[in-house]
Amino acid sequence: MIEYLHGRLADLTPALAVVDCHGVGYGVNISLNTFAAIQGRDEVKLWITESIREDAYQLWGFESRTERELFQLLTSVSGIGASSARMVLSAMTPAELCNIIGDGNDKMLRQVKGIGPKAAQRIIVDLHDKIGALDIVPASASGGQTAPAVNAEVQKEAEAALAMLGFSPAPTHKVVVKILQDEPEAPVERVIKLALKML
């Protein structure tokens, strides 16, 4: 069993990281949270979950053990596969997800692409008691650090355009805000083009 991979980051997209470990390149499926955390690094350590089926062998990697534990909890819920679990973890941080499950906020979960009303309810019912065992700081108590302000008008226009293209609100919001934090002066057109590459 692979516990983690530690090596040179050979290639990176919002959905896949290639980690070079002593000359062997491992393709690892990642979430947007992990993508944002490792972007720009030369060397990475990803905590791994293996998915072995008759027709496929996949590696799912996470920048933190906590995110991996949440991924494993999500995939333990009936009807939630690895791809759906990654979508959830791309739409919100581990702390936000724990708050949502703890509050029973199925409305927020339903905003994630591929998560319908029944799946959202199953996640809340199955994981409500389990997330308490995870050592996660609530999203509202994250050390008092505030994210840089973003251009609200550009953000609104970009999110509206992406919504018209069929993208779900939660992951779209996360990606647009990240782009505007990195490039505060970016016009709407550039934000949309960058978001299309990341969603």
N, C-alpha and C. Protein backbone atom coordinates (compact mmCIF):
# COMPACT_ATOMS: atom_id res chain seq x y z
N MET A 1 0.83 -1.19 0.00
CA MET A 1 0.00 0.00 0.00
C MET A 1 0.88 1.25 0.00
N ILE A 2 0.54 2.23 -0.84
CA ILE A 2 1.27 3.49 -0.89
C ILE A 2 0.66 4.45 0.12
N GLU A 3 1.48 4.90 1.08
CA GLU A 3 1.01 5.84 2.10
C GLU A 3 1.14 7.28 1.60
N TYR A 4 2.29 7.61 1.02
CA TYR A 4 2.48 8.94 0.44
C TYR A 4 3.54 8.87 -0.64
N LEU A 5 3.56 9.90 -1.49
CA LEU A 5 4.60 10.07 -2.50
C LEU A 5 5.32 11.37 -2.22
N HIS A 6 6.65 11.30 -2.21
CA HIS A 6 7.47 12.49 -1.97
C HIS A 6 8.48 12.59 -3.09
N GLY A 7 8.37 13.66 -3.88
CA GLY A 7 9.30 13.78 -4.99
C GLY A 7 9.14 15.09 -5.73
N ARG A 8 9.77 15.16 -6.90
CA ARG A 8 9.73 16.37 -7.71
C ARG A 8 8.39 16.47 -8.44
N LEU A 9 7.81 17.67 -8.45
CA LEU A 9 6.56 17.91 -9.16
C LEU A 9 6.89 18.11 -10.63
N ALA A 10 6.68 17.07 -11.43
CA ALA A 10 7.07 17.09 -12.84
C ALA A 10 6.05 17.80 -13.72
N ASP A 11 4.78 17.70 -13.36
CA ASP A 11 3.72 18.34 -14.15
C ASP A 11 2.51 18.55 -13.25
N LEU A 12 1.74 19.59 -13.54
CA LEU A 12 0.59 19.90 -12.69
C LEU A 12 -0.53 20.53 -13.50
N THR A 13 -1.73 19.97 -13.34
CA THR A 13 -2.96 20.58 -13.85
C THR A 13 -3.93 20.63 -12.67
N PRO A 14 -5.07 21.35 -12.79
CA PRO A 14 -6.00 21.40 -11.66
C PRO A 14 -6.54 20.04 -11.23
N ALA A 15 -6.44 19.03 -12.08
CA ALA A 15 -6.99 17.71 -11.74
C ALA A 15 -5.93 16.63 -11.56
N LEU A 16 -4.69 16.88 -12.00
CA LEU A 16 -3.67 15.83 -11.99
C LEU A 16 -2.30 16.39 -11.68
N ALA A 17 -1.59 15.70 -10.78
CA ALA A 17 -0.19 16.02 -10.49
C ALA A 17 0.66 14.82 -10.87
N VAL A 18 1.78 15.08 -11.53
CA VAL A 18 2.73 14.02 -11.84
C VAL A 18 3.93 14.20 -10.92
N VAL A 19 4.14 13.21 -10.05
CA VAL A 19 5.21 13.27 -9.07
C VAL A 19 6.32 12.31 -9.49
N ASP A 20 7.52 12.86 -9.68
CA ASP A 20 8.69 12.08 -10.09
C ASP A 20 9.39 11.58 -8.84
N CYS A 21 9.30 10.29 -8.60
CA CYS A 21 9.98 9.67 -7.46
C CYS A 21 11.09 8.78 -7.98
N HIS A 22 12.33 9.26 -7.91
CA HIS A 22 13.50 8.49 -8.36
C HIS A 22 13.35 8.00 -9.79
N GLY A 23 12.86 8.89 -10.67
CA GLY A 23 12.79 8.55 -12.08
C GLY A 23 11.50 7.89 -12.53
N VAL A 24 10.60 7.62 -11.59
CA VAL A 24 9.29 7.06 -11.94
C VAL A 24 8.24 8.14 -11.74
N GLY A 25 7.47 8.43 -12.79
CA GLY A 25 6.44 9.47 -12.71
C GLY A 25 5.09 8.89 -12.35
N TYR A 26 4.56 9.29 -11.21
CA TYR A 26 3.25 8.81 -10.75
C TYR A 26 2.18 9.86 -11.08
N GLY A 27 1.16 9.47 -11.84
CA GLY A 27 0.03 10.35 -12.11
C GLY A 27 -0.96 10.27 -10.96
N VAL A 28 -1.19 11.39 -10.29
CA VAL A 28 -2.03 11.41 -9.08
C VAL A 28 -3.20 12.36 -9.28
N ASN A 29 -4.41 11.85 -9.13
CA ASN A 29 -5.60 12.69 -9.19
C ASN A 29 -5.67 13.57 -7.95
N ILE A 30 -5.94 14.86 -8.14
CA ILE A 30 -5.97 15.80 -7.01
C ILE A 30 -7.22 16.66 -7.05
N SER A 31 -7.50 17.32 -5.92
CA SER A 31 -8.61 18.27 -5.81
C SER A 31 -8.09 19.68 -6.07
N LEU A 32 -9.01 20.63 -6.22
CA LEU A 32 -8.59 22.03 -6.39
C LEU A 32 -7.91 22.57 -5.15
N ASN A 33 -8.29 22.07 -3.98
CA ASN A 33 -7.62 22.48 -2.74
C ASN A 33 -6.15 22.10 -2.78
N THR A 34 -5.87 20.87 -3.17
CA THR A 34 -4.49 20.41 -3.24
C THR A 34 -3.75 21.13 -4.36
N PHE A 35 -4.42 21.33 -5.49
CA PHE A 35 -3.81 22.07 -6.61
C PHE A 35 -3.34 23.44 -6.14
N ALA A 36 -4.21 24.16 -5.43
CA ALA A 36 -3.86 25.50 -4.95
C ALA A 36 -2.71 25.45 -3.95
N ALA A 37 -2.68 24.38 -3.13
CA ALA A 37 -1.66 24.28 -2.08
C ALA A 37 -0.27 23.97 -2.64
N ILE A 38 -0.19 23.21 -3.73
CA ILE A 38 1.12 22.78 -4.24
C ILE A 38 1.58 23.55 -5.47
N GLN A 39 0.72 24.43 -5.99
CA GLN A 39 1.06 25.20 -7.17
C GLN A 39 2.33 26.02 -6.91
N GLY A 40 3.28 25.95 -7.83
CA GLY A 40 4.51 26.72 -7.71
C GLY A 40 5.63 26.01 -6.97
N ARG A 41 5.34 24.84 -6.40
CA ARG A 41 6.38 24.09 -5.68
C ARG A 41 7.21 23.25 -6.64
N ASP A 42 8.45 23.03 -6.28
CA ASP A 42 9.31 22.12 -7.05
C ASP A 42 9.21 20.69 -6.52
N GLU A 43 9.00 20.59 -5.21
CA GLU A 43 8.94 19.28 -4.55
C GLU A 43 7.66 19.18 -3.74
N VAL A 44 7.04 18.01 -3.76
CA VAL A 44 5.77 17.85 -3.03
C VAL A 44 5.73 16.53 -2.27
N LYS A 45 4.85 16.51 -1.30
CA LYS A 45 4.53 15.27 -0.57
C LYS A 45 3.01 15.15 -0.58
N LEU A 46 2.52 14.09 -1.21
CA LEU A 46 1.08 13.89 -1.30
C LEU A 46 0.69 12.62 -0.57
N TRP A 47 -0.32 12.73 0.29
CA TRP A 47 -0.87 11.57 0.99
C TRP A 47 -1.81 10.84 0.03
N ILE A 48 -1.63 9.54 -0.07
CA ILE A 48 -2.25 8.77 -1.16
C ILE A 48 -3.37 7.84 -0.70
N THR A 49 -4.40 7.77 -1.53
CA THR A 49 -5.41 6.71 -1.44
C THR A 49 -5.41 5.98 -2.78
N GLU A 50 -5.34 4.67 -2.74
CA GLU A 50 -5.34 3.88 -3.97
C GLU A 50 -6.75 3.39 -4.28
N SER A 51 -7.08 3.43 -5.55
CA SER A 51 -8.37 2.92 -6.02
C SER A 51 -8.08 1.83 -7.05
N ILE A 52 -8.35 0.59 -6.66
CA ILE A 52 -8.01 -0.55 -7.52
C ILE A 52 -9.28 -1.26 -7.96
N ARG A 53 -9.50 -1.26 -9.27
CA ARG A 53 -10.63 -1.99 -9.85
C ARG A 53 -10.12 -2.90 -10.94
N GLU A 54 -11.00 -3.72 -11.47
CA GLU A 54 -10.60 -4.65 -12.53
C GLU A 54 -10.09 -3.91 -13.76
N ASP A 55 -10.70 -2.76 -14.04
CA ASP A 55 -10.36 -2.05 -15.27
C ASP A 55 -9.49 -0.81 -15.05
N ALA A 56 -9.12 -0.53 -13.80
CA ALA A 56 -8.35 0.69 -13.57
C ALA A 56 -7.61 0.64 -12.24
N TYR A 57 -6.46 1.31 -12.21
CA TYR A 57 -5.69 1.50 -10.98
C TYR A 57 -5.38 2.99 -10.88
N GLN A 58 -5.98 3.66 -9.90
CA GLN A 58 -5.85 5.11 -9.79
C GLN A 58 -5.26 5.49 -8.44
N LEU A 59 -4.50 6.59 -8.46
CA LEU A 59 -3.98 7.18 -7.24
C LEU A 59 -4.67 8.52 -7.01
N TRP A 60 -5.11 8.74 -5.79
CA TRP A 60 -5.72 10.01 -5.41
C TRP A 60 -4.84 10.62 -4.34
N GLY A 61 -4.38 11.85 -4.57
CA GLY A 61 -3.42 12.45 -3.66
C GLY A 61 -3.90 13.73 -3.02
N PHE A 62 -3.43 13.98 -1.80
CA PHE A 62 -3.89 15.14 -1.03
C PHE A 62 -2.73 15.78 -0.29
N GLU A 63 -2.76 17.10 -0.22
CA GLU A 63 -1.68 17.84 0.41
C GLU A 63 -1.66 17.62 1.91
N SER A 64 -2.81 17.29 2.49
CA SER A 64 -2.88 17.06 3.94
C SER A 64 -3.54 15.72 4.24
N ARG A 65 -3.19 15.17 5.40
CA ARG A 65 -3.83 13.92 5.84
C ARG A 65 -5.32 14.14 6.07
N THR A 66 -5.67 15.31 6.58
CA THR A 66 -7.08 15.60 6.88
C THR A 66 -7.93 15.53 5.63
N GLU A 67 -7.44 16.12 4.53
CA GLU A 67 -8.21 16.07 3.29
C GLU A 67 -8.35 14.62 2.81
N ARG A 68 -7.29 13.84 2.97
CA ARG A 68 -7.38 12.43 2.57
C ARG A 68 -8.41 11.69 3.42
N GLU A 69 -8.43 11.96 4.72
CA GLU A 69 -9.41 11.30 5.59
C GLU A 69 -10.83 11.66 5.18
N LEU A 70 -11.05 12.92 4.83
CA LEU A 70 -12.39 13.32 4.39
C LEU A 70 -12.75 12.65 3.07
N PHE A 71 -11.78 12.52 2.17
CA PHE A 71 -12.01 11.82 0.91
C PHE A 71 -12.43 10.37 1.18
N GLN A 72 -11.73 9.72 2.09
CA GLN A 72 -12.05 8.33 2.43
C GLN A 72 -13.42 8.21 3.08
N LEU A 73 -13.77 9.18 3.92
CA LEU A 73 -15.10 9.18 4.53
C LEU A 73 -16.18 9.39 3.47
N LEU A 74 -15.95 10.32 2.57
CA LEU A 74 -16.94 10.59 1.52
C LEU A 74 -17.16 9.36 0.64
N THR A 75 -16.09 8.68 0.26
CA THR A 75 -16.24 7.51 -0.61
C THR A 75 -16.81 6.31 0.13
N SER A 76 -16.88 6.38 1.46
CA SER A 76 -17.52 5.30 2.21
C SER A 76 -19.04 5.44 2.20
N VAL A 77 -19.53 6.60 1.77
CA VAL A 77 -20.98 6.83 1.69
C VAL A 77 -21.52 6.17 0.43
N SER A 78 -22.61 5.45 0.56
CA SER A 78 -23.21 4.75 -0.57
C SER A 78 -23.55 5.73 -1.70
N GLY A 79 -23.08 5.41 -2.91
CA GLY A 79 -23.39 6.23 -4.07
C GLY A 79 -22.40 7.36 -4.33
N ILE A 80 -21.42 7.55 -3.44
CA ILE A 80 -20.42 8.60 -3.63
C ILE A 80 -19.11 7.95 -4.07
N GLY A 81 -18.77 8.15 -5.33
CA GLY A 81 -17.54 7.60 -5.87
C GLY A 81 -16.38 8.57 -5.69
N ALA A 82 -15.21 8.15 -6.15
CA ALA A 82 -14.01 8.97 -5.99
C ALA A 82 -14.13 10.31 -6.72
N SER A 83 -14.70 10.30 -7.92
CA SER A 83 -14.83 11.55 -8.68
C SER A 83 -15.76 12.53 -7.98
N SER A 84 -16.86 12.04 -7.44
CA SER A 84 -17.79 12.91 -6.72
C SER A 84 -17.15 13.46 -5.45
N ALA A 85 -16.38 12.61 -4.76
CA ALA A 85 -15.69 13.05 -3.54
C ALA A 85 -14.69 14.15 -3.88
N ARG A 86 -13.99 14.00 -5.00
CA ARG A 86 -13.04 15.04 -5.41
C ARG A 86 -13.77 16.34 -5.73
N MET A 87 -14.95 16.27 -6.37
CA MET A 87 -15.72 17.47 -6.67
C MET A 87 -16.10 18.21 -5.38
N VAL A 88 -16.50 17.45 -4.36
CA VAL A 88 -16.86 18.06 -3.08
C VAL A 88 -15.65 18.77 -2.48
N LEU A 89 -14.49 18.09 -2.50
CA LEU A 89 -13.28 18.65 -1.91
C LEU A 89 -12.66 19.74 -2.78
N SER A 90 -13.12 19.88 -4.00
CA SER A 90 -12.69 20.99 -4.85
C SER A 90 -13.57 22.22 -4.63
N ALA A 91 -14.79 21.98 -4.18
CA ALA A 91 -15.74 23.06 -4.00
C ALA A 91 -15.60 23.76 -2.66
N MET A 92 -15.00 23.09 -1.68
CA MET A 92 -14.90 23.66 -0.33
C MET A 92 -13.68 23.11 0.39
N THR A 93 -13.21 23.84 1.37
CA THR A 93 -12.07 23.39 2.16
C THR A 93 -12.53 22.32 3.15
N PRO A 94 -11.60 21.54 3.71
CA PRO A 94 -11.99 20.55 4.72
C PRO A 94 -12.77 21.17 5.88
N ALA A 95 -12.33 22.35 6.34
CA ALA A 95 -13.03 23.01 7.45
C ALA A 95 -14.45 23.39 7.05
N GLU A 96 -14.60 23.93 5.83
CA GLU A 96 -15.94 24.31 5.35
C GLU A 96 -16.84 23.08 5.23
N LEU A 97 -16.28 21.98 4.71
CA LEU A 97 -17.08 20.76 4.56
C LEU A 97 -17.54 20.24 5.91
N CYS A 98 -16.65 20.25 6.89
CA CYS A 98 -17.02 19.77 8.23
C CYS A 98 -18.11 20.65 8.84
N ASN A 99 -18.01 21.96 8.63
CA ASN A 99 -19.05 22.87 9.13
C ASN A 99 -20.39 22.57 8.47
N ILE A 100 -20.36 22.34 7.16
CA ILE A 100 -21.59 22.08 6.40
C ILE A 100 -22.24 20.77 6.88
N ILE A 101 -21.43 19.73 7.05
CA ILE A 101 -21.96 18.45 7.52
C ILE A 101 -22.47 18.59 8.95
N GLY A 102 -21.69 19.26 9.80
CA GLY A 102 -22.08 19.44 11.20
C GLY A 102 -23.37 20.23 11.35
N ASP A 103 -23.58 21.20 10.46
CA ASP A 103 -24.79 22.02 10.50
C ASP A 103 -25.97 21.38 9.77
N GLY A 104 -25.69 20.26 9.06
CA GLY A 104 -26.75 19.61 8.29
C GLY A 104 -27.19 20.43 7.09
N ASN A 105 -26.26 21.20 6.53
CA ASN A 105 -26.59 22.13 5.43
C ASN A 105 -26.53 21.40 4.09
N ASP A 106 -27.57 20.64 3.78
CA ASP A 106 -27.57 19.88 2.52
C ASP A 106 -27.69 20.79 1.31
N LYS A 107 -28.19 22.01 1.51
CA LYS A 107 -28.32 22.95 0.39
C LYS A 107 -26.95 23.27 -0.21
N MET A 108 -25.96 23.49 0.63
CA MET A 108 -24.61 23.79 0.14
C MET A 108 -24.01 22.58 -0.57
N LEU A 109 -24.25 21.39 -0.05
CA LEU A 109 -23.73 20.18 -0.70
C LEU A 109 -24.37 19.98 -2.07
N ARG A 110 -25.65 20.32 -2.21
CA ARG A 110 -26.35 20.13 -3.48
C ARG A 110 -25.82 21.07 -4.56
N GLN A 111 -25.09 22.11 -4.18
CA GLN A 111 -24.52 23.02 -5.18
C GLN A 111 -23.32 22.40 -5.90
N VAL A 112 -22.79 21.32 -5.34
CA VAL A 112 -21.65 20.65 -5.96
C VAL A 112 -22.14 19.78 -7.11
N LYS A 113 -21.48 19.90 -8.25
CA LYS A 113 -21.87 19.14 -9.44
C LYS A 113 -21.87 17.64 -9.13
N GLY A 114 -22.97 16.96 -9.44
CA GLY A 114 -23.06 15.52 -9.24
C GLY A 114 -23.63 15.10 -7.89
N ILE A 115 -23.87 16.06 -7.00
CA ILE A 115 -24.43 15.73 -5.68
C ILE A 115 -25.89 16.18 -5.65
N GLY A 116 -26.79 15.22 -5.70
CA GLY A 116 -28.22 15.51 -5.66
C GLY A 116 -28.74 15.53 -4.24
N PRO A 117 -30.05 15.76 -4.06
CA PRO A 117 -30.64 15.84 -2.72
C PRO A 117 -30.42 14.59 -1.87
N LYS A 118 -30.62 13.41 -2.48
CA LYS A 118 -30.46 12.16 -1.71
C LYS A 118 -29.01 11.94 -1.30
N ALA A 119 -28.08 12.21 -2.23
CA ALA A 119 -26.66 12.03 -1.92
C ALA A 119 -26.23 13.00 -0.82
N ALA A 120 -26.71 14.24 -0.89
CA ALA A 120 -26.37 15.24 0.13
C ALA A 120 -26.85 14.80 1.51
N GLN A 121 -28.08 14.27 1.56
CA GLN A 121 -28.62 13.79 2.83
C GLN A 121 -27.83 12.60 3.37
N ARG A 122 -27.44 11.69 2.46
CA ARG A 122 -26.67 10.52 2.90
C ARG A 122 -25.32 10.94 3.48
N ILE A 123 -24.67 11.91 2.84
CA ILE A 123 -23.38 12.40 3.35
C ILE A 123 -23.55 12.95 4.76
N ILE A 124 -24.58 13.76 4.97
CA ILE A 124 -24.79 14.37 6.28
C ILE A 124 -25.12 13.31 7.34
N VAL A 125 -26.03 12.41 7.00
CA VAL A 125 -26.45 11.38 7.97
C VAL A 125 -25.29 10.43 8.31
N ASP A 126 -24.57 9.97 7.27
CA ASP A 126 -23.50 8.99 7.48
C ASP A 126 -22.27 9.57 8.17
N LEU A 127 -21.97 10.86 7.90
CA LEU A 127 -20.69 11.42 8.36
C LEU A 127 -20.82 12.39 9.53
N HIS A 128 -22.03 12.72 9.90
CA HIS A 128 -22.23 13.73 10.95
C HIS A 128 -21.46 13.40 12.23
N ASP A 129 -21.52 12.15 12.66
CA ASP A 129 -20.85 11.76 13.91
C ASP A 129 -19.36 11.47 13.69
N LYS A 130 -18.97 11.16 12.46
CA LYS A 130 -17.59 10.77 12.20
C LYS A 130 -16.63 11.95 12.08
N ILE A 131 -17.14 13.10 11.61
CA ILE A 131 -16.23 14.23 11.39
C ILE A 131 -15.71 14.82 12.70
N GLY A 132 -16.42 14.52 13.80
CA GLY A 132 -15.97 15.03 15.10
C GLY A 132 -14.62 14.46 15.51
N ALA A 133 -14.28 13.29 14.97
CA ALA A 133 -13.00 12.66 15.30
C ALA A 133 -11.83 13.31 14.57
N LEU A 134 -12.13 14.11 13.54
CA LEU A 134 -11.07 14.78 12.79
C LEU A 134 -10.68 16.08 13.49
N ASP A 135 -9.38 16.33 13.57
CA ASP A 135 -8.88 17.53 14.24
C ASP A 135 -8.84 18.69 13.24
N ILE A 136 -10.01 19.31 13.04
CA ILE A 136 -10.12 20.37 12.05
C ILE A 136 -10.59 21.66 12.72
N VAL A 137 -9.88 22.75 12.44
CA VAL A 137 -10.27 24.06 12.97
C VAL A 137 -11.46 24.55 12.15
N PRO A 138 -12.55 24.97 12.81
CA PRO A 138 -13.71 25.47 12.07
C PRO A 138 -13.32 26.61 11.14
N ALA A 139 -14.04 26.71 10.04
CA ALA A 139 -13.71 27.73 9.03
C ALA A 139 -13.81 29.14 9.60
N SER A 140 -14.67 29.33 10.59
CA SER A 140 -14.86 30.66 11.17
C SER A 140 -13.77 31.03 12.16
N ALA A 141 -12.88 30.07 12.49
CA ALA A 141 -11.84 30.32 13.49
C ALA A 141 -10.48 29.98 12.95
N SER A 142 -10.17 30.46 11.77
CA SER A 142 -8.94 30.07 11.09
C SER A 142 -7.79 31.04 11.32
N GLY A 143 -7.63 31.47 12.57
CA GLY A 143 -6.44 32.24 12.92
C GLY A 143 -6.56 33.73 12.63
N GLY A 144 -7.70 34.19 12.15
CA GLY A 144 -7.89 35.61 11.97
C GLY A 144 -7.27 36.19 10.72
N GLN A 145 -6.64 35.36 9.89
CA GLN A 145 -6.05 35.87 8.66
C GLN A 145 -7.14 36.07 7.63
N THR A 146 -7.14 37.24 6.99
CA THR A 146 -8.15 37.52 5.99
C THR A 146 -7.55 37.44 4.61
N ALA A 147 -8.32 36.94 3.67
CA ALA A 147 -7.85 36.84 2.29
C ALA A 147 -7.86 38.23 1.66
N PRO A 148 -7.00 38.44 0.69
CA PRO A 148 -6.98 39.74 0.01
C PRO A 148 -8.33 40.03 -0.63
N ALA A 149 -8.71 41.32 -0.62
CA ALA A 149 -9.96 41.71 -1.25
C ALA A 149 -9.88 41.51 -2.76
N VAL A 150 -11.00 41.16 -3.35
CA VAL A 150 -11.03 40.95 -4.79
C VAL A 150 -12.01 41.94 -5.41
N ASN A 151 -11.88 42.15 -6.71
CA ASN A 151 -12.76 43.04 -7.46
C ASN A 151 -14.14 42.38 -7.54
N ALA A 152 -15.07 42.89 -6.76
CA ALA A 152 -16.38 42.26 -6.64
C ALA A 152 -17.15 42.28 -7.96
N GLU A 153 -16.99 43.36 -8.73
CA GLU A 153 -17.72 43.48 -9.99
C GLU A 153 -17.23 42.44 -11.00
N VAL A 154 -15.91 42.32 -11.12
CA VAL A 154 -15.33 41.33 -12.03
C VAL A 154 -15.70 39.92 -11.57
N GLN A 155 -15.64 39.69 -10.27
CA GLN A 155 -16.00 38.37 -9.73
C GLN A 155 -17.43 38.01 -10.08
N LYS A 156 -18.34 38.95 -9.89
CA LYS A 156 -19.76 38.70 -10.16
C LYS A 156 -20.00 38.39 -11.62
N GLU A 157 -19.39 39.17 -12.51
CA GLU A 157 -19.58 38.98 -13.95
C GLU A 157 -18.99 37.64 -14.40
N ALA A 158 -17.81 37.31 -13.89
CA ALA A 158 -17.16 36.05 -14.27
C ALA A 158 -17.97 34.85 -13.80
N GLU A 159 -18.46 34.91 -12.56
CA GLU A 159 -19.25 33.79 -12.03
C GLU A 159 -20.56 33.64 -12.79
N ALA A 160 -21.18 34.77 -13.17
CA ALA A 160 -22.43 34.71 -13.92
C ALA A 160 -22.20 34.07 -15.29
N ALA A 161 -21.09 34.45 -15.94
CA ALA A 161 -20.79 33.89 -17.26
C ALA A 161 -20.52 32.39 -17.17
N LEU A 162 -19.79 31.98 -16.16
CA LEU A 162 -19.47 30.55 -15.99
C LEU A 162 -20.72 29.76 -15.62
N ALA A 163 -21.63 30.38 -14.88
CA ALA A 163 -22.89 29.71 -14.55
C ALA A 163 -23.70 29.46 -15.82
N MET A 164 -23.67 30.44 -16.74
CA MET A 164 -24.38 30.28 -18.01
C MET A 164 -23.78 29.16 -18.85
N LEU A 165 -22.49 28.89 -18.63
CA LEU A 165 -21.82 27.81 -19.35
C LEU A 165 -22.07 26.45 -18.71
N GLY A 166 -22.77 26.45 -17.56
CA GLY A 166 -23.15 25.19 -16.93
C GLY A 166 -22.33 24.75 -15.75
N PHE A 167 -21.43 25.62 -15.26
CA PHE A 167 -20.59 25.24 -14.13
C PHE A 167 -21.32 25.51 -12.81
N SER A 168 -21.11 24.64 -11.83
CA SER A 168 -21.77 24.76 -10.54
C SER A 168 -21.24 25.96 -9.76
N PRO A 169 -22.10 26.61 -8.96
CA PRO A 169 -21.71 27.84 -8.25
C PRO A 169 -20.55 27.68 -7.28
N ALA A 170 -20.55 26.60 -6.48
CA ALA A 170 -19.54 26.48 -5.42
C ALA A 170 -18.11 26.39 -5.95
N PRO A 171 -17.80 25.42 -6.84
CA PRO A 171 -16.43 25.37 -7.36
C PRO A 171 -16.08 26.59 -8.21
N THR A 172 -17.07 27.15 -8.92
CA THR A 172 -16.83 28.34 -9.74
C THR A 172 -16.39 29.50 -8.85
N HIS A 173 -17.10 29.72 -7.76
CA HIS A 173 -16.77 30.81 -6.84
C HIS A 173 -15.35 30.65 -6.31
N LYS A 174 -15.00 29.45 -5.91
CA LYS A 174 -13.67 29.18 -5.35
C LYS A 174 -12.57 29.51 -6.35
N VAL A 175 -12.75 29.06 -7.59
CA VAL A 175 -11.74 29.26 -8.63
C VAL A 175 -11.62 30.74 -8.99
N VAL A 176 -12.76 31.42 -9.16
CA VAL A 176 -12.74 32.84 -9.54
C VAL A 176 -12.05 33.69 -8.47
N VAL A 177 -12.38 33.43 -7.22
CA VAL A 177 -11.75 34.18 -6.12
C VAL A 177 -10.24 33.94 -6.09
N LYS A 178 -9.84 32.68 -6.28
CA LYS A 178 -8.40 32.36 -6.29
C LYS A 178 -7.68 33.12 -7.41
N ILE A 179 -8.28 33.16 -8.58
CA ILE A 179 -7.67 33.86 -9.73
C ILE A 179 -7.53 35.34 -9.42
N LEU A 180 -8.58 35.95 -8.85
CA LEU A 180 -8.56 37.38 -8.58
C LEU A 180 -7.62 37.72 -7.42
N GLN A 181 -7.41 36.78 -6.51
CA GLN A 181 -6.42 37.01 -5.46
C GLN A 181 -5.01 37.00 -6.04
N ASP A 182 -4.78 36.12 -7.01
CA ASP A 182 -3.47 36.03 -7.66
C ASP A 182 -3.24 37.18 -8.64
N GLU A 183 -4.32 37.59 -9.33
CA GLU A 183 -4.23 38.65 -10.34
C GLU A 183 -5.34 39.67 -10.12
N PRO A 184 -5.16 40.57 -9.15
CA PRO A 184 -6.23 41.52 -8.78
C PRO A 184 -6.70 42.42 -9.92
N GLU A 185 -5.83 42.67 -10.90
CA GLU A 185 -6.19 43.57 -11.99
C GLU A 185 -6.74 42.85 -13.22
N ALA A 186 -6.89 41.54 -13.14
CA ALA A 186 -7.32 40.76 -14.31
C ALA A 186 -8.73 41.18 -14.76
N PRO A 187 -8.93 41.40 -16.07
CA PRO A 187 -10.27 41.72 -16.58
C PRO A 187 -11.14 40.46 -16.61
N VAL A 188 -12.44 40.67 -16.81
CA VAL A 188 -13.39 39.56 -16.80
C VAL A 188 -13.00 38.46 -17.79
N GLU A 189 -12.61 38.88 -19.01
CA GLU A 189 -12.29 37.89 -20.05
C GLU A 189 -11.16 36.96 -19.62
N ARG A 190 -10.13 37.54 -19.00
CA ARG A 190 -8.99 36.70 -18.57
C ARG A 190 -9.40 35.77 -17.42
N VAL A 191 -10.19 36.29 -16.50
CA VAL A 191 -10.65 35.46 -15.37
C VAL A 191 -11.43 34.25 -15.89
N ILE A 192 -12.32 34.50 -16.86
CA ILE A 192 -13.13 33.41 -17.41
C ILE A 192 -12.25 32.39 -18.12
N LYS A 193 -11.29 32.87 -18.92
CA LYS A 193 -10.40 31.96 -19.64
C LYS A 193 -9.58 31.10 -18.68
N LEU A 194 -9.05 31.72 -17.62
CA LEU A 194 -8.28 30.96 -16.63
C LEU A 194 -9.17 29.96 -15.89
N ALA A 195 -10.39 30.40 -15.56
CA ALA A 195 -11.30 29.51 -14.83
C ALA A 195 -11.68 28.29 -15.66
N LEU A 196 -11.86 28.50 -16.96
CA LEU A 196 -12.21 27.38 -17.84
C LEU A 196 -11.12 26.31 -17.86
N LYS A 197 -9.88 26.73 -17.68
CA LYS A 197 -8.77 25.77 -17.64
C LYS A 197 -8.71 25.03 -16.31
N MET A 198 -9.28 25.64 -15.27
CA MET A 198 -9.17 25.07 -13.92
C MET A 198 -10.39 24.26 -13.50
N LEU A 199 -11.55 24.55 -14.10
CA LEU A 199 -12.78 23.86 -13.70
C LEU A 199 -12.92 22.52 -14.41
